[in-house]
N, C-alpha and C. Protein backbone atom coordinates (compact mmCIF):
# COMPACT_ATOMS: atom_id res chain seq x y z
N MET A 1 67.42 142.26 15.24
CA MET A 1 67.98 143.53 15.83
C MET A 1 68.78 144.30 14.65
N ASP A 2 68.38 145.43 14.63
CA ASP A 2 69.05 146.19 13.64
C ASP A 2 70.11 147.24 14.27
N ASP A 3 71.25 146.94 14.43
CA ASP A 3 72.36 147.64 14.94
C ASP A 3 73.44 147.92 13.84
N PRO A 4 73.86 149.28 13.85
CA PRO A 4 74.79 149.41 12.69
C PRO A 4 76.26 148.92 13.09
N TYR A 5 76.81 148.70 14.08
CA TYR A 5 77.94 148.16 14.53
C TYR A 5 77.87 146.55 14.13
N LEU A 6 76.77 145.99 14.60
CA LEU A 6 76.54 144.47 14.29
C LEU A 6 76.53 144.15 12.74
N ASN A 7 75.72 145.28 12.04
CA ASN A 7 75.77 145.13 10.60
C ASN A 7 77.21 145.26 10.08
N ASP A 8 78.04 146.09 10.57
CA ASP A 8 79.39 146.09 10.13
C ASP A 8 80.06 144.81 10.40
N LEU A 9 79.87 144.11 11.43
CA LEU A 9 80.62 143.00 11.69
C LEU A 9 80.01 141.83 10.85
N LYS A 10 78.79 141.80 10.55
CA LYS A 10 78.16 140.91 9.74
C LYS A 10 78.66 141.12 8.32
N ASN A 11 78.91 142.23 7.71
CA ASN A 11 79.54 142.57 6.42
C ASN A 11 81.02 142.02 6.45
N GLU A 12 81.78 142.33 7.48
CA GLU A 12 83.17 141.86 7.56
C GLU A 12 82.95 140.38 7.44
N PHE A 13 82.14 139.66 8.22
CA PHE A 13 82.28 138.23 7.97
C PHE A 13 82.00 137.88 6.91
N ARG A 14 81.05 138.41 6.22
CA ARG A 14 80.84 138.08 4.64
C ARG A 14 82.13 138.35 3.81
N GLU A 15 82.80 139.30 3.98
CA GLU A 15 83.75 139.34 2.92
C GLU A 15 84.97 138.44 3.42
N TYR A 16 85.09 138.26 4.69
CA TYR A 16 86.14 137.22 5.05
C TYR A 16 85.72 135.85 4.40
N SER A 17 84.40 135.38 4.30
CA SER A 17 83.92 134.33 3.84
C SER A 17 84.26 134.11 2.33
N SER A 18 84.09 135.32 1.74
CA SER A 18 84.25 135.33 0.16
C SER A 18 85.63 135.28 -0.15
N GLU A 19 86.44 135.84 0.67
CA GLU A 19 87.85 135.73 0.48
C GLU A 19 88.36 134.40 0.56
N LEU A 20 87.87 133.87 1.64
CA LEU A 20 88.27 132.38 1.97
C LEU A 20 87.86 131.33 0.73
N LYS A 21 86.70 131.78 0.04
CA LYS A 21 86.39 130.71 -1.04
C LYS A 21 87.27 130.92 -2.20
N ILE A 22 87.76 132.33 -2.43
CA ILE A 22 88.84 132.53 -3.46
C ILE A 22 90.02 131.71 -3.13
N LEU A 23 90.53 132.04 -1.82
CA LEU A 23 91.83 131.26 -1.64
C LEU A 23 91.65 129.77 -1.61
N LYS A 24 90.75 129.34 -1.30
CA LYS A 24 90.40 127.72 -1.49
C LYS A 24 90.53 127.29 -2.92
N LYS A 25 89.91 127.91 -3.77
CA LYS A 25 90.06 127.73 -5.19
C LYS A 25 91.50 127.90 -5.68
N ASN A 26 92.13 128.99 -5.14
CA ASN A 26 93.59 129.20 -5.63
C ASN A 26 94.40 127.93 -5.09
N LEU A 27 94.18 127.72 -3.96
CA LEU A 27 95.01 126.57 -3.14
C LEU A 27 94.82 125.24 -3.95
N LEU A 28 93.59 124.97 -4.44
CA LEU A 28 93.33 123.70 -5.20
C LEU A 28 93.98 123.80 -6.78
N LYS A 29 94.12 125.10 -7.23
CA LYS A 29 94.55 125.04 -8.50
C LYS A 29 96.23 125.18 -8.43
N SER A 30 96.85 125.55 -7.19
CA SER A 30 98.20 125.75 -7.09
C SER A 30 98.98 124.55 -6.92
N ASN A 31 100.13 124.12 -7.89
CA ASN A 31 100.94 123.14 -7.77
C ASN A 31 102.21 123.47 -6.98
N SER A 32 102.60 124.53 -6.61
CA SER A 32 103.70 124.99 -6.04
C SER A 32 103.60 124.92 -4.51
N PRO A 33 104.51 124.07 -3.85
CA PRO A 33 104.32 124.02 -2.44
C PRO A 33 104.44 125.32 -1.82
N GLU A 34 105.48 126.19 -2.25
CA GLU A 34 105.62 127.41 -1.74
C GLU A 34 104.31 128.37 -1.57
N GLU A 35 103.77 128.43 -2.88
CA GLU A 35 102.53 129.09 -3.06
C GLU A 35 101.52 128.50 -2.25
N GLN A 36 101.35 127.20 -2.11
CA GLN A 36 100.34 126.65 -1.08
C GLN A 36 100.48 127.04 0.13
N SER A 37 101.77 127.19 0.55
CA SER A 37 102.07 127.46 1.99
C SER A 37 101.65 128.94 2.34
N LYS A 38 101.87 129.88 1.35
CA LYS A 38 101.49 131.14 1.41
C LYS A 38 100.02 131.31 1.72
N ILE A 39 99.23 130.50 0.93
CA ILE A 39 97.96 130.42 0.71
C ILE A 39 97.21 130.05 2.13
N ILE A 40 97.84 128.87 2.65
CA ILE A 40 97.45 128.36 3.93
C ILE A 40 97.53 129.32 4.98
N LYS A 41 98.73 130.04 4.98
CA LYS A 41 98.93 131.10 6.00
C LYS A 41 97.83 132.18 6.08
N LYS A 42 97.50 132.76 4.61
CA LYS A 42 96.34 133.70 4.49
C LYS A 42 95.19 133.01 5.18
N ILE A 43 94.82 131.85 4.78
CA ILE A 43 93.47 131.12 5.25
C ILE A 43 93.69 131.06 6.76
N ASP A 44 94.79 130.87 7.44
CA ASP A 44 94.76 130.68 8.94
C ASP A 44 94.62 132.11 9.50
N SER A 45 95.09 133.18 8.94
CA SER A 45 95.03 134.54 9.37
C SER A 45 93.59 134.84 9.16
N ILE A 46 92.84 134.61 8.29
CA ILE A 46 91.44 135.11 8.05
C ILE A 46 90.59 134.28 8.88
N ALA A 47 90.95 133.04 9.26
CA ALA A 47 90.10 132.34 10.03
C ALA A 47 90.22 132.81 11.39
N LYS A 48 91.36 133.32 11.70
CA LYS A 48 91.53 133.99 13.36
C LYS A 48 90.83 135.22 13.32
N GLU A 49 90.84 136.01 12.17
CA GLU A 49 89.96 137.23 12.08
C GLU A 49 88.47 136.91 12.27
N MET A 50 88.08 135.95 11.60
CA MET A 50 86.66 135.59 11.64
C MET A 50 86.34 135.07 12.99
N GLU A 51 87.16 134.37 13.78
CA GLU A 51 86.75 133.99 15.16
C GLU A 51 86.75 135.22 15.96
N LYS A 52 87.58 136.18 15.82
CA LYS A 52 87.55 137.43 16.62
C LYS A 52 86.25 138.27 16.39
N ASN A 53 85.93 138.26 15.07
CA ASN A 53 84.69 138.79 14.67
C ASN A 53 83.53 138.18 15.36
N GLN A 54 83.34 136.91 15.33
CA GLN A 54 82.24 136.29 15.82
C GLN A 54 82.10 136.58 17.44
N ARG A 55 83.27 136.52 18.12
CA ARG A 55 83.38 136.73 19.54
C ARG A 55 82.65 138.24 19.87
N GLN A 56 83.23 139.06 19.27
CA GLN A 56 82.90 140.52 19.15
C GLN A 56 81.46 140.67 18.96
N SER A 57 80.92 140.04 17.91
CA SER A 57 79.60 139.99 17.52
C SER A 57 78.75 139.28 18.65
N THR A 58 79.35 138.29 19.23
CA THR A 58 78.38 137.74 20.40
C THR A 58 78.35 138.66 21.57
N ARG A 59 79.62 139.19 21.83
CA ARG A 59 79.76 140.31 23.03
C ARG A 59 78.68 141.29 22.87
N VAL A 60 78.65 141.97 21.60
CA VAL A 60 77.95 143.13 21.40
C VAL A 60 76.38 142.62 21.40
N THR A 61 75.97 141.52 20.76
CA THR A 61 74.60 141.19 20.73
C THR A 61 74.26 140.90 22.27
N LYS A 62 74.90 140.32 23.07
CA LYS A 62 74.53 140.15 24.68
C LYS A 62 74.53 141.57 25.28
N SER A 63 75.29 142.40 25.04
CA SER A 63 75.24 143.66 25.62
C SER A 63 73.96 144.40 25.16
N ARG A 64 73.76 144.52 23.89
CA ARG A 64 72.48 145.01 23.46
C ARG A 64 71.28 144.47 23.93
N LEU A 65 71.20 143.15 24.08
CA LEU A 65 70.20 142.46 24.76
C LEU A 65 69.79 142.92 26.26
N LYS A 66 70.93 143.10 26.81
CA LYS A 66 71.03 143.43 28.37
C LYS A 66 70.29 144.84 28.42
N GLU A 67 71.01 145.75 27.65
CA GLU A 67 70.39 147.03 27.52
C GLU A 67 68.83 147.22 27.22
N LYS A 68 68.50 146.32 26.09
CA LYS A 68 67.06 146.28 25.84
C LYS A 68 66.34 145.85 26.95
N THR A 69 66.67 144.93 27.78
CA THR A 69 65.95 144.24 28.75
C THR A 69 65.78 145.18 29.92
N LYS A 70 66.92 145.82 30.17
CA LYS A 70 66.76 147.04 31.37
C LYS A 70 65.82 148.07 30.94
N SER A 71 66.08 148.59 29.55
CA SER A 71 65.24 149.62 29.13
C SER A 71 63.59 149.34 29.28
N ASN A 72 63.41 147.99 28.86
CA ASN A 72 62.03 147.58 28.99
C ASN A 72 61.47 147.50 30.52
N LYS A 73 62.32 147.02 31.38
CA LYS A 73 61.91 147.02 32.84
C LYS A 73 61.75 148.40 33.43
N ASN A 74 62.56 149.31 32.94
CA ASN A 74 62.45 150.69 33.47
C ASN A 74 61.22 151.42 32.99
N SER A 75 60.89 151.02 31.73
CA SER A 75 59.82 151.65 31.22
C SER A 75 58.42 151.25 31.55
N ARG A 76 58.49 150.00 32.27
CA ARG A 76 57.17 149.54 32.92
C ARG A 76 56.72 150.15 34.22
N PHE A 77 57.78 150.82 34.77
CA PHE A 77 57.44 151.36 36.08
C PHE A 77 57.33 152.97 35.79
């Protein structure tokens, strides 16, 4: 299904994933407990955003499928 809004959500998810990879590397390199704490908070924040993104993507996909099913039923008659 090619939907501009879903494509935007997918792109956001990819950006979150790449940001998490960078933060993970920084966390492993860091020796400072304060810096590690900041990085972990950022990771938690991004993880929450990713969850919101996934829920929204699921809702939109279901909605689009319902619309498509309704339009297919209406076009048959």
